[in-house]
Amino acid sequence: MTTALRQARQLFRRHGGILRTGEAVTAGIHPRTLYAMRESGEVEMLARGVYRLASMPPLADPDLATVAKRVPNAVACLISALSLHELTTQVPHEVHIAIRRSVGSPVLTYPPLRVYRFSDAAFEAGIETRKIADVSLRVYSAEKTLADCFKYRNRIGLDVALEALRVYRNRRKKNFQKVLEFARVCRVERVIRPYLEASV
């Protein structure tokens, strides 16, 4: 085994087994080494420009990990966030992400994205960080996601928002006050309040 290959493996492991091409090159992996690893099956391509050590355990959410790497400034929202918080029976066929209104749309061939543009106040509120195979994923909290679902009810369906609220209501740890605070930020307090009051 060459020194370059051994160092490349170590660098991949240090980064949770996943690297973008630019990160790999900056970290000292020569593009030739990276492509040789791909050709030998030592690394697999998750998406264009995102590589993962094939020896790592299978990813629970490979699409989310890929998006977290390729679009690090985005935040998982709506159906993707509901799924992470186990507040929906919906199976996301796209990764739902929020970006600031002022930012250009991400260019990603895979996985498919559903992009929502949030105002600065709505974008910054309620962000949490989760680890998916050592990749940091930004996602909205359950309470912020509920507010977002009511704001975007015409795009995702009111039934999805109501189902999420029902599941949330049955949790031991719930904070309707927080949901209302986020509803104010999202300007849907009047819309969500009757449903919240019926839930209490």
Protein backbone atom coordinates (compact mmCIF):
# COMPACT_ATOMS: atom_id res chain seq x y z
CA MET A 1 0.00 0.00 0.00
CA THR A 2 1.40 3.38 -0.95
CA THR A 3 1.92 6.15 1.59
CA ALA A 4 -0.43 8.41 -0.39
CA LEU A 5 -3.23 5.83 -0.18
CA ARG A 6 -2.69 5.25 3.55
CA GLN A 7 -2.76 9.02 4.22
CA ALA A 8 -5.89 9.40 2.08
CA ARG A 9 -7.69 6.71 4.10
CA GLN A 10 -6.70 8.41 7.36
CA LEU A 11 -7.96 11.78 6.10
CA PHE A 12 -11.28 10.25 5.07
CA ARG A 13 -11.67 8.62 8.52
CA ARG A 14 -10.83 11.90 10.24
CA HIS A 15 -13.72 13.51 8.33
CA GLY A 16 -16.27 10.81 9.20
CA GLY A 17 -15.59 8.87 6.00
CA ILE A 18 -17.08 11.51 3.68
CA LEU A 19 -15.24 14.21 1.73
CA ARG A 20 -16.02 16.59 -1.11
CA THR A 21 -13.43 16.67 -3.88
CA GLY A 22 -12.34 20.19 -2.89
CA GLU A 23 -11.97 19.19 0.78
CA ALA A 24 -9.96 16.10 -0.17
CA VAL A 25 -7.56 18.09 -2.36
CA THR A 26 -7.19 20.86 0.26
CA ALA A 27 -6.49 18.20 2.92
CA GLY A 28 -3.63 16.87 0.77
CA ILE A 29 -5.16 14.01 -1.24
CA HIS A 30 -3.96 14.18 -4.84
CA PRO A 31 -6.83 13.95 -7.38
CA ARG A 32 -5.03 10.93 -8.92
CA THR A 33 -5.18 9.11 -5.55
CA LEU A 34 -8.85 9.98 -5.14
CA TYR A 35 -9.75 8.68 -8.61
CA ALA A 36 -7.67 5.53 -8.05
CA MET A 37 -9.61 4.92 -4.82
CA ARG A 38 -12.87 5.37 -6.72
CA GLU A 39 -11.82 3.01 -9.54
CA SER A 40 -10.76 0.31 -7.04
CA GLY A 41 -14.06 0.62 -5.17
CA GLU A 42 -12.39 1.86 -1.99
CA VAL A 43 -14.51 5.01 -2.08
CA GLU A 44 -17.99 5.36 -3.52
CA MET A 45 -19.48 8.44 -5.08
CA LEU A 46 -22.56 9.58 -3.12
CA ALA A 47 -23.16 12.46 -5.52
CA ARG A 48 -21.07 14.41 -7.97
CA GLY A 49 -18.02 15.59 -6.05
CA VAL A 50 -18.90 13.76 -2.79
CA TYR A 51 -16.99 10.59 -1.90
CA ARG A 52 -17.37 8.13 0.96
CA LEU A 53 -15.21 5.27 2.20
CA ALA A 54 -16.91 2.06 1.06
CA SER A 55 -15.81 0.28 4.27
CA MET A 56 -17.92 2.58 6.48
CA PRO A 57 -21.22 1.24 7.90
CA PRO A 58 -24.25 1.98 5.68
CA LEU A 59 -25.68 5.47 6.05
CA ALA A 60 -29.14 5.75 7.60
CA ASP A 61 -29.87 8.93 5.60
CA PRO A 62 -27.40 9.05 2.69
CA ASP A 63 -29.35 11.79 0.88
CA LEU A 64 -29.33 14.07 3.92
CA ALA A 65 -25.62 13.43 4.50
CA THR A 66 -24.89 14.29 0.86
CA VAL A 67 -26.89 17.52 1.03
CA ALA A 68 -25.24 18.47 4.34
CA LYS A 69 -21.85 18.12 2.63
CA ARG A 70 -22.73 19.76 -0.68
CA VAL A 71 -25.00 22.56 0.61
CA PRO A 72 -23.67 23.23 4.14
CA ASN A 73 -25.49 26.57 4.52
CA ALA A 74 -28.92 25.05 3.90
CA VAL A 75 -31.23 23.79 6.65
CA ALA A 76 -33.34 20.63 6.40
CA CYS A 77 -36.97 21.70 6.67
CA LEU A 78 -40.61 20.66 6.24
CA ILE A 79 -41.03 16.99 5.17
CA SER A 80 -37.33 16.17 5.69
CA ALA A 81 -37.37 17.78 9.15
CA LEU A 82 -40.71 16.10 10.03
CA SER A 83 -39.19 12.76 9.06
CA LEU A 84 -36.09 13.36 11.23
CA HIS A 85 -38.31 14.34 14.18
CA GLU A 86 -40.60 11.33 13.52
CA LEU A 87 -43.63 13.58 13.13
CA THR A 88 -44.91 12.23 9.81
CA THR A 89 -45.83 9.08 7.94
CA GLN A 90 -44.77 10.80 4.69
CA VAL A 91 -41.74 9.34 2.93
CA PRO A 92 -39.65 12.20 1.56
CA HIS A 93 -38.85 11.64 -2.14
CA GLU A 94 -36.82 14.85 -2.21
CA VAL A 95 -34.66 16.53 0.40
CA HIS A 96 -36.54 19.63 1.57
CA ILE A 97 -34.14 22.46 2.38
CA ALA A 98 -34.44 26.10 3.34
CA ILE A 99 -32.05 28.74 2.08
CA ARG A 100 -31.96 32.50 2.52
CA ARG A 101 -33.87 34.51 -0.08
CA SER A 102 -30.68 36.32 -1.05
CA VAL A 103 -28.73 33.13 -1.85
CA GLY A 104 -28.57 31.49 -5.28
CA SER A 105 -30.17 28.09 -5.78
CA PRO A 106 -27.87 25.13 -5.11
CA VAL A 107 -26.89 23.07 -8.15
CA LEU A 108 -27.10 19.39 -7.29
CA THR A 109 -27.84 16.56 -9.72
CA TYR A 110 -28.52 14.07 -6.93
CA PRO A 111 -30.36 13.76 -4.57
CA PRO A 112 -33.42 15.68 -5.79
CA LEU A 113 -34.03 18.87 -3.80
CA ARG A 114 -37.12 20.87 -2.94
CA VAL A 115 -35.83 24.35 -2.14
CA TYR A 116 -37.71 26.91 -0.02
CA ARG A 117 -36.56 30.50 0.30
CA PHE A 118 -36.95 31.91 3.82
CA SER A 119 -36.64 35.48 5.05
CA ASP A 120 -33.60 36.06 7.29
CA ALA A 121 -35.70 35.98 10.49
CA ALA A 122 -37.50 32.75 9.52
CA PHE A 123 -34.28 31.18 8.24
CA GLU A 124 -32.28 31.80 11.43
CA ALA A 125 -34.95 30.72 13.93
CA GLY A 126 -34.91 27.26 15.50
CA ILE A 127 -31.85 25.70 13.86
CA GLU A 128 -30.46 22.56 15.52
CA THR A 129 -27.46 20.47 14.48
CA ARG A 130 -27.57 16.71 14.15
CA LYS A 131 -24.85 14.25 13.28
CA ILE A 132 -25.41 11.85 10.42
CA ALA A 133 -22.38 9.56 10.09
CA ASP A 134 -20.14 12.31 11.51
CA VAL A 135 -21.54 14.86 9.06
CA SER A 136 -23.15 17.91 10.69
CA LEU A 137 -26.68 18.45 9.41
CA ARG A 138 -28.57 21.63 10.17
CA VAL A 139 -32.28 21.00 10.74
CA TYR A 140 -35.13 23.01 12.21
CA SER A 141 -36.43 22.01 15.65
CA ALA A 142 -39.74 20.14 15.86
CA GLU A 143 -41.52 23.32 17.05
CA LYS A 144 -40.11 25.48 14.24
CA THR A 145 -40.95 22.77 11.71
CA LEU A 146 -44.59 22.76 12.84
CA ALA A 147 -44.78 26.53 12.28
CA ASP A 148 -43.13 26.13 8.86
CA CYS A 149 -45.64 23.40 7.91
CA PHE A 150 -48.55 25.75 8.56
CA LYS A 151 -46.81 28.53 6.62
CA TYR A 152 -46.27 26.24 3.62
CA ARG A 153 -49.52 24.26 4.05
CA ASN A 154 -50.58 25.05 0.46
CA ARG A 155 -47.38 23.45 -0.87
CA ILE A 156 -47.12 20.39 1.39
CA GLY A 157 -50.80 19.94 2.29
CA LEU A 158 -52.73 20.97 5.41
CA ASP A 159 -53.24 17.26 6.19
CA VAL A 160 -49.45 16.85 6.60
CA ALA A 161 -49.30 19.82 9.02
CA LEU A 162 -52.29 18.52 11.03
CA GLU A 163 -50.87 14.98 11.23
CA ALA A 164 -47.55 16.39 12.52
CA LEU A 165 -49.38 18.47 15.14
CA ARG A 166 -51.37 15.39 16.27
CA VAL A 167 -48.20 13.31 16.68
CA TYR A 168 -46.45 16.19 18.48
CA ARG A 169 -49.42 16.65 20.86
CA ASN A 170 -49.07 13.02 22.01
CA ARG A 171 -45.42 13.47 22.99
CA ARG A 172 -44.37 13.72 26.58
CA LYS A 173 -41.97 16.55 25.77
CA LYS A 174 -43.90 19.26 23.99
CA ASN A 175 -43.86 23.03 24.13
CA PHE A 176 -46.86 24.71 22.52
CA GLN A 177 -45.58 28.12 23.66
CA LYS A 178 -42.46 27.60 21.57
CA VAL A 179 -44.57 26.55 18.57
CA LEU A 180 -46.50 29.84 18.93
CA GLU A 181 -43.27 31.86 19.16
CA PHE A 182 -42.05 30.33 15.89
CA ALA A 183 -45.52 30.84 14.36
CA ARG A 184 -45.09 34.57 15.08
CA VAL A 185 -41.72 34.57 13.32
CA CYS A 186 -43.32 32.76 10.35
CA ARG A 187 -46.37 35.08 10.48
CA VAL A 188 -48.88 32.25 10.84
CA GLU A 189 -49.89 32.72 14.48
CA ARG A 190 -53.54 33.37 13.57
CA VAL A 191 -53.62 30.29 11.36
CA ILE A 192 -52.05 27.89 13.85
CA ARG A 193 -53.56 29.19 17.11
CA PRO A 194 -57.04 27.55 16.71
CA TYR A 195 -55.40 24.18 16.00
CA LEU A 196 -53.08 24.57 19.01
CA GLU A 197 -55.96 25.53 21.30
CA ALA A 198 -57.88 22.46 20.12
CA SER A 199 -54.80 20.36 20.93
CA VAL A 200 -54.44 21.50 24.55
